[in-house]
Amino acid sequence: MAKKTHDPDHGRSAGGIGQLKPKDLTVEDRQRMREVALKYRPWQYATGPRTPEGKAKVAENGRYAQKGEVSRRQREKEVAEAHNLLAELAAVRRLACPGFSESAEEQD
């Protein structure tokens, strides 16, 4: 049996409605699009980025609309990293100075 190849344009043109906006679609159009999608299964060919460069580029996609220099998620990640660093430093201090207690430091 010959290996099937995927022609990305064939599925779009087979439906015949590739240029319509969602608001312009009729029930029949939606049904035809569904049938074409089930026939050609485009999700099998969508792999997403594979290289580190591609993944970095995709990670930047949503940042064009952000208001500030740093997004909320980036800021939260930085704060979490700082908290983790402080916890690690406290653990090292407890190992290095067994008699030292943080509660004694707070009383000063």
PDB file of N, CA and C in Angstrom:
ATOM      1  N   MET A   1       0.839  -1.170   0.000  1.00  0.00           N
ATOM      2  CA  MET A   1       0.000   0.000   0.000  1.00  0.00           C
ATOM      3  C   MET A   1       0.884   1.233   0.000  1.00  0.00           C
ATOM      4  N   ALA A   2       0.576   2.198  -0.841  1.00  0.00           N
ATOM      5  CA  ALA A   2       1.376   3.412  -0.962  1.00  0.00           C
ATOM      6  C   ALA A   2       1.147   4.316   0.245  1.00  0.00           C
ATOM      7  N   LYS A   3       2.197   5.024   0.624  1.00  0.00           N
ATOM      8  CA  LYS A   3       2.101   5.931   1.747  1.00  0.00           C
ATOM      9  C   LYS A   3       1.264   7.144   1.348  1.00  0.00           C
ATOM     10  N   LYS A   4       0.336   7.522   2.217  1.00  0.00           N
ATOM     11  CA  LYS A   4      -0.500   8.679   1.939  1.00  0.00           C
ATOM     12  C   LYS A   4       0.303   9.940   2.219  1.00  0.00           C
ATOM     13  N   THR A   5       0.210  10.884   1.331  1.00  0.00           N
ATOM     14  CA  THR A   5       0.844  12.179   1.566  1.00  0.00           C
ATOM     15  C   THR A   5      -0.245  13.188   1.831  1.00  0.00           C
ATOM     16  N   HIS A   6       0.092  14.183   2.554  1.00  0.00           N
ATOM     17  CA  HIS A   6      -0.884  15.205   2.915  1.00  0.00           C
ATOM     18  C   HIS A   6      -0.701  16.422   2.032  1.00  0.00           C
ATOM     19  N   ASP A   7      -1.746  16.816   1.370  1.00  0.00           N
ATOM     20  CA  ASP A   7      -1.752  18.038   0.579  1.00  0.00           C
ATOM     21  C   ASP A   7      -2.511  19.084   1.384  1.00  0.00           C
ATOM     22  N   PRO A   8      -1.804  20.040   2.017  1.00  0.00           N
ATOM     23  CA  PRO A   8      -2.481  20.952   2.925  1.00  0.00           C
ATOM     24  C   PRO A   8      -3.548  21.815   2.247  1.00  0.00           C
ATOM     25  N   ASP A   9      -3.389  22.119   0.969  1.00  0.00           N
ATOM     26  CA  ASP A   9      -4.370  22.965   0.305  1.00  0.00           C
ATOM     27  C   ASP A   9      -5.605  22.190  -0.125  1.00  0.00           C
ATOM     28  N   HIS A  10      -5.492  20.883  -0.281  1.00  0.00           N
ATOM     29  CA  HIS A  10      -6.613  20.109  -0.796  1.00  0.00           C
ATOM     30  C   HIS A  10      -7.799  20.144   0.156  1.00  0.00           C
ATOM     31  N   GLY A  11      -7.546  20.028   1.435  1.00  0.00           N
ATOM     32  CA  GLY A  11      -8.634  20.030   2.400  1.00  0.00           C
ATOM     33  C   GLY A  11      -9.373  21.349   2.416  1.00  0.00           C
ATOM     34  N   ARG A  12      -8.657  22.456   2.262  1.00  0.00           N
ATOM     35  CA  ARG A  12      -9.292  23.761   2.269  1.00  0.00           C
ATOM     36  C   ARG A  12     -10.140  23.964   1.026  1.00  0.00           C
ATOM     37  N   SER A  13      -9.585  23.584  -0.122  1.00  0.00           N
ATOM     38  CA  SER A  13     -10.324  23.820  -1.354  1.00  0.00           C
ATOM     39  C   SER A  13     -11.466  22.835  -1.516  1.00  0.00           C
ATOM     40  N   ALA A  14     -11.344  21.658  -0.912  1.00  0.00           N
ATOM     41  CA  ALA A  14     -12.407  20.665  -1.039  1.00  0.00           C
ATOM     42  C   ALA A  14     -13.677  21.151  -0.366  1.00  0.00           C
ATOM     43  N   GLY A  15     -13.529  21.899   0.718  1.00  0.00           N
ATOM     44  CA  GLY A  15     -14.703  22.437   1.396  1.00  0.00           C
ATOM     45  C   GLY A  15     -15.330  23.566   0.613  1.00  0.00           C
ATOM     46  N   GLY A  16     -14.510  24.283  -0.148  1.00  0.00           N
ATOM     47  CA  GLY A  16     -15.001  25.361  -0.987  1.00  0.00           C
ATOM     48  C   GLY A  16     -15.429  26.597  -0.238  1.00  0.00           C
ATOM     49  N   ILE A  17     -15.107  26.715   1.053  1.00  0.00           N
ATOM     50  CA  ILE A  17     -15.577  27.864   1.814  1.00  0.00           C
ATOM     51  C   ILE A  17     -14.461  28.474   2.647  1.00  0.00           C
ATOM     52  N   GLY A  18     -13.238  28.352   2.189  1.00  0.00           N
ATOM     53  CA  GLY A  18     -12.087  28.805   2.963  1.00  0.00           C
ATOM     54  C   GLY A  18     -12.044  30.291   3.219  1.00  0.00           C
ATOM     55  N   GLN A  19     -12.734  31.115   2.426  1.00  0.00           N
ATOM     56  CA  GLN A  19     -12.647  32.558   2.576  1.00  0.00           C
ATOM     57  C   GLN A  19     -13.805  33.161   3.378  1.00  0.00           C
ATOM     58  N   LEU A  20     -14.782  32.374   3.743  1.00  0.00           N
ATOM     59  CA  LEU A  20     -15.929  32.909   4.465  1.00  0.00           C
ATOM     60  C   LEU A  20     -15.587  33.202   5.914  1.00  0.00           C
ATOM     61  N   LYS A  21     -16.197  34.245   6.454  1.00  0.00           N
ATOM     62  CA  LYS A  21     -16.052  34.575   7.860  1.00  0.00           C
ATOM     63  C   LYS A  21     -17.012  33.698   8.665  1.00  0.00           C
ATOM     64  N   PRO A  22     -16.712  33.431   9.946  1.00  0.00           N
ATOM     65  CA  PRO A  22     -17.595  32.574  10.742  1.00  0.00           C
ATOM     66  C   PRO A  22     -19.042  33.062  10.777  1.00  0.00           C
ATOM     67  N   LYS A  23     -19.250  34.375  10.785  1.00  0.00           N
ATOM     68  CA  LYS A  23     -20.622  34.883  10.832  1.00  0.00           C
ATOM     69  C   LYS A  23     -21.373  34.614   9.528  1.00  0.00           C
ATOM     70  N   ASP A  24     -20.659  34.385   8.420  1.00  0.00           N
ATOM     71  CA  ASP A  24     -21.276  34.139   7.122  1.00  0.00           C
ATOM     72  C   ASP A  24     -21.588  32.667   6.876  1.00  0.00           C
ATOM     73  N   LEU A  25     -21.192  31.789   7.792  1.00  0.00           N
ATOM     74  CA  LEU A  25     -21.374  30.363   7.580  1.00  0.00           C
ATOM     75  C   LEU A  25     -22.807  29.924   7.867  1.00  0.00           C
ATOM     76  N   THR A  26     -23.324  29.118   7.001  1.00  0.00           N
ATOM     77  CA  THR A  26     -24.641  28.533   7.224  1.00  0.00           C
ATOM     78  C   THR A  26     -24.460  27.191   7.919  1.00  0.00           C
ATOM     79  N   VAL A  27     -25.557  26.582   8.302  1.00  0.00           N
ATOM     80  CA  VAL A  27     -25.503  25.263   8.934  1.00  0.00           C
ATOM     81  C   VAL A  27     -24.896  24.250   7.965  1.00  0.00           C
ATOM     82  N   GLU A  28     -25.243  24.361   6.688  1.00  0.00           N
ATOM     83  CA  GLU A  28     -24.697  23.448   5.679  1.00  0.00           C
ATOM     84  C   GLU A  28     -23.191  23.660   5.515  1.00  0.00           C
ATOM     85  N   ASP A  29     -22.746  24.933   5.553  1.00  0.00           N
ATOM     86  CA  ASP A  29     -21.313  25.223   5.451  1.00  0.00           C
ATOM     87  C   ASP A  29     -20.551  24.589   6.612  1.00  0.00           C
ATOM     88  N   ARG A  30     -21.095  24.745   7.803  1.00  0.00           N
ATOM     89  CA  ARG A  30     -20.435  24.170   8.986  1.00  0.00           C
ATOM     90  C   ARG A  30     -20.369  22.641   8.894  1.00  0.00           C
ATOM     91  N   GLN A  31     -21.435  22.034   8.402  1.00  0.00           N
ATOM     92  CA  GLN A  31     -21.454  20.582   8.255  1.00  0.00           C
ATOM     93  C   GLN A  31     -20.419  20.129   7.228  1.00  0.00           C
ATOM     94  N   ARG A  32     -20.317  20.864   6.113  1.00  0.00           N
ATOM     95  CA  ARG A  32     -19.342  20.520   5.075  1.00  0.00           C
ATOM     96  C   ARG A  32     -17.917  20.676   5.614  1.00  0.00           C
ATOM     97  N   MET A  33     -17.676  21.748   6.377  1.00  0.00           N
ATOM     98  CA  MET A  33     -16.347  21.943   6.975  1.00  0.00           C
ATOM     99  C   MET A  33     -16.027  20.809   7.943  1.00  0.00           C
ATOM    100  N   ARG A  34     -17.022  20.386   8.709  1.00  0.00           N
ATOM    101  CA  ARG A  34     -16.824  19.288   9.654  1.00  0.00           C
ATOM    102  C   ARG A  34     -16.451  18.007   8.921  1.00  0.00           C
ATOM    103  N   GLU A  35     -17.158  17.725   7.848  1.00  0.00           N
ATOM    104  CA  GLU A  35     -16.887  16.509   7.078  1.00  0.00           C
ATOM    105  C   GLU A  35     -15.481  16.541   6.471  1.00  0.00           C
ATOM    106  N   VAL A  36     -15.085  17.707   5.937  1.00  0.00           N
ATOM    107  CA  VAL A  36     -13.745  17.832   5.345  1.00  0.00           C
ATOM    108  C   VAL A  36     -12.680  17.644   6.418  1.00  0.00           C
ATOM    109  N   ALA A  37     -12.905  18.256   7.593  1.00  0.00           N
ATOM    110  CA  ALA A  37     -11.930  18.135   8.672  1.00  0.00           C
ATOM    111  C   ALA A  37     -11.809  16.679   9.132  1.00  0.00           C
ATOM    112  N   LEU A  38     -12.930  15.993   9.236  1.00  0.00           N
ATOM    113  CA  LEU A  38     -12.883  14.593   9.656  1.00  0.00           C
ATOM    114  C   LEU A  38     -12.233  13.712   8.592  1.00  0.00           C
ATOM    115  N   LYS A  39     -12.400  14.087   7.328  1.00  0.00           N
ATOM    116  CA  LYS A  39     -11.798  13.297   6.245  1.00  0.00           C
ATOM    117  C   LYS A  39     -10.282  13.468   6.208  1.00  0.00           C
ATOM    118  N   TYR A  40      -9.797  14.710   6.294  1.00  0.00           N
ATOM    119  CA  TYR A  40      -8.361  14.974   6.133  1.00  0.00           C
ATOM    120  C   TYR A  40      -7.597  15.049   7.450  1.00  0.00           C
ATOM    121  N   ARG A  41      -8.284  15.142   8.566  1.00  0.00           N
ATOM    122  CA  ARG A  41      -7.700  15.166   9.906  1.00  0.00           C
ATOM    123  C   ARG A  41      -6.448  16.048   9.994  1.00  0.00           C
ATOM    124  N   PRO A  42      -6.598  17.354   9.823  1.00  0.00           N
ATOM    125  CA  PRO A  42      -5.428  18.244   9.834  1.00  0.00           C
ATOM    126  C   PRO A  42      -4.679  18.254  11.153  1.00  0.00           C
ATOM    127  N   TRP A  43      -5.330  17.884  12.246  1.00  0.00           N
ATOM    128  CA  TRP A  43      -4.653  17.889  13.546  1.00  0.00           C
ATOM    129  C   TRP A  43      -3.536  16.860  13.619  1.00  0.00           C
ATOM    130  N   GLN A  44      -3.540  15.888  12.730  1.00  0.00           N
ATOM    131  CA  GLN A  44      -2.461  14.904  12.724  1.00  0.00           C
ATOM    132  C   GLN A  44      -1.162  15.488  12.177  1.00  0.00           C
ATOM    133  N   TYR A  45      -1.266  16.569  11.432  1.00  0.00           N
ATOM    134  CA  TYR A  45      -0.102  17.146  10.785  1.00  0.00           C
ATOM    135  C   TYR A  45       0.384  18.408  11.498  1.00  0.00           C
ATOM    136  N   ALA A  46      -0.332  18.855  12.498  1.00  0.00           N
ATOM    137  CA  ALA A  46       0.064  20.038  13.247  1.00  0.00           C
ATOM    138  C   ALA A  46       0.992  19.596  14.374  1.00  0.00           C
ATOM    139  N   THR A  47       2.263  19.896  14.259  1.00  0.00           N
ATOM    140  CA  THR A  47       3.230  19.436  15.249  1.00  0.00           C
ATOM    141  C   THR A  47       3.637  20.528  16.223  1.00  0.00           C
ATOM    142  N   GLY A  48       3.453  21.773  15.854  1.00  0.00           N
ATOM    143  CA  GLY A  48       3.938  22.848  16.703  1.00  0.00           C
ATOM    144  C   GLY A  48       5.436  23.010  16.523  1.00  0.00           C
ATOM    145  N   PRO A  49       6.016  23.979  17.224  1.00  0.00           N
ATOM    146  CA  PRO A  49       7.448  24.220  17.078  1.00  0.00           C
ATOM    147  C   PRO A  49       8.265  23.073  17.656  1.00  0.00           C
ATOM    148  N   ARG A  50       9.358  22.741  16.981  1.00  0.00           N
ATOM    149  CA  ARG A  50      10.209  21.635  17.438  1.00  0.00           C
ATOM    150  C   ARG A  50      11.586  22.113  17.888  1.00  0.00           C
ATOM    151  N   THR A  51      12.073  23.185  17.291  1.00  0.00           N
ATOM    152  CA  THR A  51      13.408  23.671  17.642  1.00  0.00           C
ATOM    153  C   THR A  51      13.306  24.662  18.794  1.00  0.00           C
ATOM    154  N   PRO A  52      14.381  24.852  19.544  1.00  0.00           N
ATOM    155  CA  PRO A  52      14.361  25.851  20.617  1.00  0.00           C
ATOM    156  C   PRO A  52      14.058  27.254  20.087  1.00  0.00           C
ATOM    157  N   GLU A  53      14.558  27.570  18.883  1.00  0.00           N
ATOM    158  CA  GLU A  53      14.293  28.882  18.305  1.00  0.00           C
ATOM    159  C   GLU A  53      12.806  29.046  18.003  1.00  0.00           C
ATOM    160  N   GLY A  54      12.187  28.003  17.445  1.00  0.00           N
ATOM    161  CA  GLY A  54      10.763  28.051  17.140  1.00  0.00           C
ATOM    162  C   GLY A  54       9.921  28.157  18.398  1.00  0.00           C
ATOM    163  N   LYS A  55      10.307  27.438  19.426  1.00  0.00           N
ATOM    164  CA  LYS A  55       9.563  27.486  20.683  1.00  0.00           C
ATOM    165  C   LYS A  55       9.672  28.871  21.325  1.00  0.00           C
ATOM    166  N   ALA A  56      10.851  29.481  21.236  1.00  0.00           N
ATOM    167  CA  ALA A  56      11.031  30.824  21.786  1.00  0.00           C
ATOM    168  C   ALA A  56      10.186  31.836  21.018  1.00  0.00           C
ATOM    169  N   LYS A  57      10.124  31.687  19.705  1.00  0.00           N
ATOM    170  CA  LYS A  57       9.334  32.609  18.883  1.00  0.00           C
ATOM    171  C   LYS A  57       7.853  32.492  19.223  1.00  0.00           C
ATOM    172  N   VAL A  58       7.367  31.277  19.396  1.00  0.00           N
ATOM    173  CA  VAL A  58       5.961  31.059  19.727  1.00  0.00           C
ATOM    174  C   VAL A  58       5.654  31.606  21.116  1.00  0.00           C
ATOM    175  N   ALA A  59       6.594  31.500  22.032  1.00  0.00           N
ATOM    176  CA  ALA A  59       6.388  32.006  23.386  1.00  0.00           C
ATOM    177  C   ALA A  59       6.201  33.521  23.388  1.00  0.00           C
ATOM    178  N   GLU A  60       6.731  34.202  22.384  1.00  0.00           N
ATOM    179  CA  GLU A  60       6.614  35.663  22.284  1.00  0.00           C
ATOM    180  C   GLU A  60       5.309  36.107  21.632  1.00  0.00           C
ATOM    181  N   ASN A  61       4.529  35.186  21.080  1.00  0.00           N
ATOM    182  CA  ASN A  61       3.352  35.552  20.293  1.00  0.00           C
ATOM    183  C   ASN A  61       2.375  36.471  21.010  1.00  0.00           C
ATOM    184  N   GLY A  62       2.066  36.211  22.251  1.00  0.00           N
ATOM    185  CA  GLY A  62       1.054  36.991  22.942  1.00  0.00           C
ATOM    186  C   GLY A  62       1.548  38.310  23.485  1.00  0.00           C
ATOM    187  N   ARG A  63       2.819  38.589  23.395  1.00  0.00           N
ATOM    188  CA  ARG A  63       3.378  39.777  24.038  1.00  0.00           C
ATOM    189  C   ARG A  63       3.216  41.054  23.228  1.00  0.00           C
ATOM    190  N   TYR A  64       2.753  40.958  21.997  1.00  0.00           N
ATOM    191  CA  TYR A  64       2.623  42.170  21.204  1.00  0.00           C
ATOM    192  C   TYR A  64       1.517  43.067  21.755  1.00  0.00           C
ATOM    193  N   ALA A  65       0.554  42.510  22.488  1.00  0.00           N
ATOM    194  CA  ALA A  65      -0.574  43.290  22.976  1.00  0.00           C
ATOM    195  C   ALA A  65      -0.442  43.677  24.447  1.00  0.00           C
ATOM    196  N   GLN A  66       0.613  43.250  25.122  1.00  0.00           N
ATOM    197  CA  GLN A  66       0.718  43.550  26.546  1.00  0.00           C
ATOM    198  C   GLN A  66       1.007  45.018  26.759  1.00  0.00           C
ATOM    199  N   LYS A  67       0.536  45.532  27.888  1.00  0.00           N
ATOM    200  CA  LYS A  67       0.639  46.962  28.164  1.00  0.00           C
ATOM    201  C   LYS A  67       2.033  47.384  28.621  1.00  0.00           C
ATOM    202  N   GLY A  68       2.630  46.642  29.532  1.00  0.00           N
ATOM    203  CA  GLY A  68       3.908  47.047  30.096  1.00  0.00           C
ATOM    204  C   GLY A  68       5.080  46.307  29.494  1.00  0.00           C
ATOM    205  N   GLU A  69       6.233  46.557  30.095  1.00  0.00           N
ATOM    206  CA  GLU A  69       7.467  45.925  29.642  1.00  0.00           C
ATOM    207  C   GLU A  69       7.475  44.428  29.941  1.00  0.00           C
ATOM    208  N   VAL A  70       6.903  44.073  31.109  1.00  0.00           N
ATOM    209  CA  VAL A  70       6.894  42.686  31.556  1.00  0.00           C
ATOM    210  C   VAL A  70       5.443  42.265  31.779  1.00  0.00           C
ATOM    211  N   SER A  71       5.096  41.088  31.325  1.00  0.00           N
ATOM    212  CA  SER A  71       3.727  40.606  31.505  1.00  0.00           C
ATOM    213  C   SER A  71       3.503  40.164  32.948  1.00  0.00           C
ATOM    214  N   ARG A  72       2.236  40.008  33.323  1.00  0.00           N
ATOM    215  CA  ARG A  72       1.888  39.570  34.669  1.00  0.00           C
ATOM    216  C   ARG A  72       2.493  38.205  34.956  1.00  0.00           C
ATOM    217  N   ARG A  73       2.424  37.301  33.987  1.00  0.00           N
ATOM    218  CA  ARG A  73       2.975  35.960  34.195  1.00  0.00           C
ATOM    219  C   ARG A  73       4.488  35.996  34.373  1.00  0.00           C
ATOM    220  N   GLN A  74       5.168  36.841  33.591  1.00  0.00           N
ATOM    221  CA  GLN A  74       6.622  36.956  33.741  1.00  0.00           C
ATOM    222  C   GLN A  74       6.965  37.497  35.126  1.00  0.00           C
ATOM    223  N   ARG A  75       6.202  38.508  35.576  1.00  0.00           N
ATOM    224  CA  ARG A  75       6.454  39.105  36.890  1.00  0.00           C
ATOM    225  C   ARG A  75       6.215  38.062  37.989  1.00  0.00           C
ATOM    226  N   GLU A  76       5.121  37.298  37.886  1.00  0.00           N
ATOM    227  CA  GLU A  76       4.835  36.266  38.880  1.00  0.00           C
ATOM    228  C   GLU A  76       5.920  35.198  38.894  1.00  0.00           C
ATOM    229  N   LYS A  77       6.445  34.847  37.715  1.00  0.00           N
ATOM    230  CA  LYS A  77       7.514  33.853  37.645  1.00  0.00           C
ATOM    231  C   LYS A  77       8.773  34.371  38.328  1.00  0.00           C
ATOM    232  N   GLU A  78       9.096  35.652  38.097  1.00  0.00           N
ATOM    233  CA  GLU A  78      10.283  36.237  38.726  1.00  0.00           C
ATOM    234  C   GLU A  78      10.134  36.278  40.246  1.00  0.00           C
ATOM    235  N   VAL A  79       8.929  36.623  40.732  1.00  0.00           N
ATOM    236  CA  VAL A  79       8.691  36.662  42.176  1.00  0.00           C
ATOM    237  C   VAL A  79       8.820  35.260  42.769  1.00  0.00           C
ATOM    238  N   ALA A  80       8.269  34.270  42.078  1.00  0.00           N
ATOM    239  CA  ALA A  80       8.360  32.885  42.558  1.00  0.00           C
ATOM    240  C   ALA A  80       9.815  32.427  42.598  1.00  0.00           C
ATOM    241  N   GLU A  81      10.588  32.791  41.579  1.00  0.00           N
ATOM    242  CA  GLU A  81      12.012  32.430  41.566  1.00  0.00           C
ATOM    243  C   GLU A  81      12.752  33.082  42.727  1.00  0.00           C
ATOM    244  N   ALA A  82      12.401  34.337  43.033  1.00  0.00           N
ATOM    245  CA  ALA A  82      13.037  35.031  44.159  1.00  0.00           C
ATOM    246  C   ALA A  82      12.682  34.351  45.476  1.00  0.00           C
ATOM    247  N   HIS A  83      11.418  33.950  45.636  1.00  0.00           N
ATOM    248  CA  HIS A  83      11.010  33.247  46.865  1.00  0.00           C
ATOM    249  C   HIS A  83      11.739  31.915  46.992  1.00  0.00           C
ATOM    250  N   ASN A  84      11.890  31.207  45.885  1.00  0.00           N
ATOM    251  CA  ASN A  84      12.618  29.933  45.919  1.00  0.00           C
ATOM    252  C   ASN A  84      14.076  30.143  46.303  1.00  0.00           C
ATOM    253  N   LEU A  85      14.683  31.193  45.772  1.00  0.00           N
ATOM    254  CA  LEU A  85      16.071  31.496  46.104  1.00  0.00           C
ATOM    255  C   LEU A  85      16.210  31.809  47.599  1.00  0.00           C
ATOM    256  N   LEU A  86      15.276  32.606  48.129  1.00  0.00           N
ATOM    257  CA  LEU A  86      15.318  32.922  49.558  1.00  0.00           C
ATOM    258  C   LEU A  86      15.151  31.669  50.408  1.00  0.00           C
ATOM    259  N   ALA A  87      14.273  30.760  50.006  1.00  0.00           N
ATOM    260  CA  ALA A  87      14.077  29.517  50.752  1.00  0.00           C
ATOM    261  C   ALA A  87      15.346  28.662  50.711  1.00  0.00           C
ATOM    262  N   GLU A  88      15.995  28.613  49.554  1.00  0.00           N
ATOM    263  CA  GLU A  88      17.248  27.856  49.443  1.00  0.00           C
ATOM    264  C   GLU A  88      18.338  28.474  50.313  1.00  0.00           C
ATOM    265  N   LEU A  89      18.429  29.804  50.328  1.00  0.00           N
ATOM    266  CA  LEU A  89      19.429  30.475  51.165  1.00  0.00           C
ATOM    267  C   LEU A  89      19.167  30.206  52.645  1.00  0.00           C
ATOM    268  N   ALA A  90      17.909  30.224  53.053  1.00  0.00           N
ATOM    269  CA  ALA A  90      17.574  29.936  54.451  1.00  0.00           C
ATOM    270  C   ALA A  90      17.948  28.500  54.804  1.00  0.00           C
ATOM    271  N   ALA A  91      17.727  27.565  53.877  1.00  0.00           N
ATOM    272  CA  ALA A  91      18.082  26.160  54.130  1.00  0.00           C
ATOM    273  C   ALA A  91      19.593  26.012  54.272  1.00  0.00           C
ATOM    274  N   VAL A  92      20.349  26.692  53.433  1.00  0.00           N
ATOM    275  CA  VAL A  92      21.815  26.631  53.516  1.00  0.00           C
ATOM    276  C   VAL A  92      22.287  27.244  54.832  1.00  0.00           C
ATOM    277  N   ARG A  93      21.659  28.350  55.239  1.00  0.00           N
ATOM    278  CA  ARG A  93      22.042  28.992  56.498  1.00  0.00           C
ATOM    279  C   ARG A  93      21.783  28.058  57.676  1.00  0.00           C
ATOM    280  N   ARG A  94      20.649  27.345  57.645  1.00  0.00           N
ATOM    281  CA  ARG A  94      20.350  26.398  58.732  1.00  0.00           C
ATOM    282  C   ARG A  94      21.381  25.271  58.782  1.00  0.00           C
ATOM    283  N   LEU A  95      21.846  24.830  57.618  1.00  0.00           N
ATOM    284  CA  LEU A  95      22.870  23.778  57.585  1.00  0.00           C
ATOM    285  C   LEU A  95      24.225  24.298  58.043  1.00  0.00           C
ATOM    286  N   ALA A  96      24.551  25.515  57.646  1.00  0.00           N
ATOM    287  CA  ALA A  96      25.867  26.077  57.970  1.00  0.00           C
ATOM    288  C   ALA A  96      25.956  26.534  59.418  1.00  0.00           C
ATOM    289  N   CYS A  97      24.866  27.015  59.967  1.00  0.00           N
ATOM    290  CA  CYS A  97      24.858  27.531  61.340  1.00  0.00           C
ATOM    291  C   CYS A  97      23.756  26.835  62.122  1.00  0.00           C
ATOM    292  N   PRO A  98      24.008  25.649  62.649  1.00  0.00           N
ATOM    293  CA  PRO A  98      22.948  24.888  63.328  1.00  0.00           C
ATOM    294  C   PRO A  98      22.347  25.614  64.526  1.00  0.00           C
ATOM    295  N   GLY A  99      23.099  26.451  65.221  1.00  0.00           N
ATOM    296  CA  GLY A  99      22.577  27.152  66.400  1.00  0.00           C
ATOM    297  C   GLY A  99      21.780  28.389  66.044  1.00  0.00           C
ATOM    298  N   PHE A 100      21.809  28.827  64.805  1.00  0.00           N
ATOM    299  CA  PHE A 100      21.131  30.047  64.378  1.00  0.00           C
ATOM    300  C   PHE A 100      19.647  29.769  64.191  1.00  0.00           C
ATOM    301  N   SER A 101      18.816  30.628  64.742  1.00  0.00           N
ATOM    302  CA  SER A 101      17.373  30.478  64.523  1.00  0.00           C
ATOM    303  C   SER A 101      16.831  31.776  63.941  1.00  0.00           C
ATOM    304  N   GLU A 102      15.923  31.653  63.021  1.00  0.00           N
ATOM    305  CA  GLU A 102      15.356  32.834  62.377  1.00  0.00           C
ATOM    306  C   GLU A 102      14.488  33.617  63.350  1.00  0.00           C
ATOM    307  N   SER A 103      13.881  32.946  64.297  1.00  0.00           N
ATOM    308  CA  SER A 103      13.045  33.662  65.262  1.00  0.00           C
ATOM    309  C   SER A 103      13.888  34.571  66.158  1.00  0.00           C
ATOM    310  N   ALA A 104      15.135  34.159  66.460  1.00  0.00           N
ATOM    311  CA  ALA A 104      16.040  34.999  67.249  1.00  0.00           C
ATOM    312  C   ALA A 104      16.417  36.238  66.469  1.00  0.00           C
ATOM    313  N   GLU A 105      16.548  36.124  65.162  1.00  0.00           N
ATOM    314  CA  GLU A 105      16.911  37.268  64.327  1.00  0.00           C
ATOM    315  C   GLU A 105      15.763  38.272  64.302  1.00  0.00           C
ATOM    316  N   GLU A 106      14.530  37.805  64.294  1.00  0.00           N
ATOM    317  CA  GLU A 106      13.369  38.678  64.225  1.00  0.00           C
ATOM    318  C   GLU A 106      13.199  39.449  65.535  1.00  0.00           C
ATOM    319  N   GLN A 107      13.668  38.909  66.672  1.00  0.00           N
ATOM    320  CA  GLN A 107      13.497  39.575  67.967  1.00  0.00           C
ATOM    321  C   GLN A 107      14.441  40.749  68.116  1.00  0.00           C
ATOM    322  N   ASP A 108      15.531  40.798  67.358  1.00  0.00           N
ATOM    323  CA  ASP A 108      16.521  41.884  67.487  1.00  0.00           C
ATOM    324  C   ASP A 108      15.992  43.201  67.002  1.00  0.00           C
TER     325      ASP A 108
END
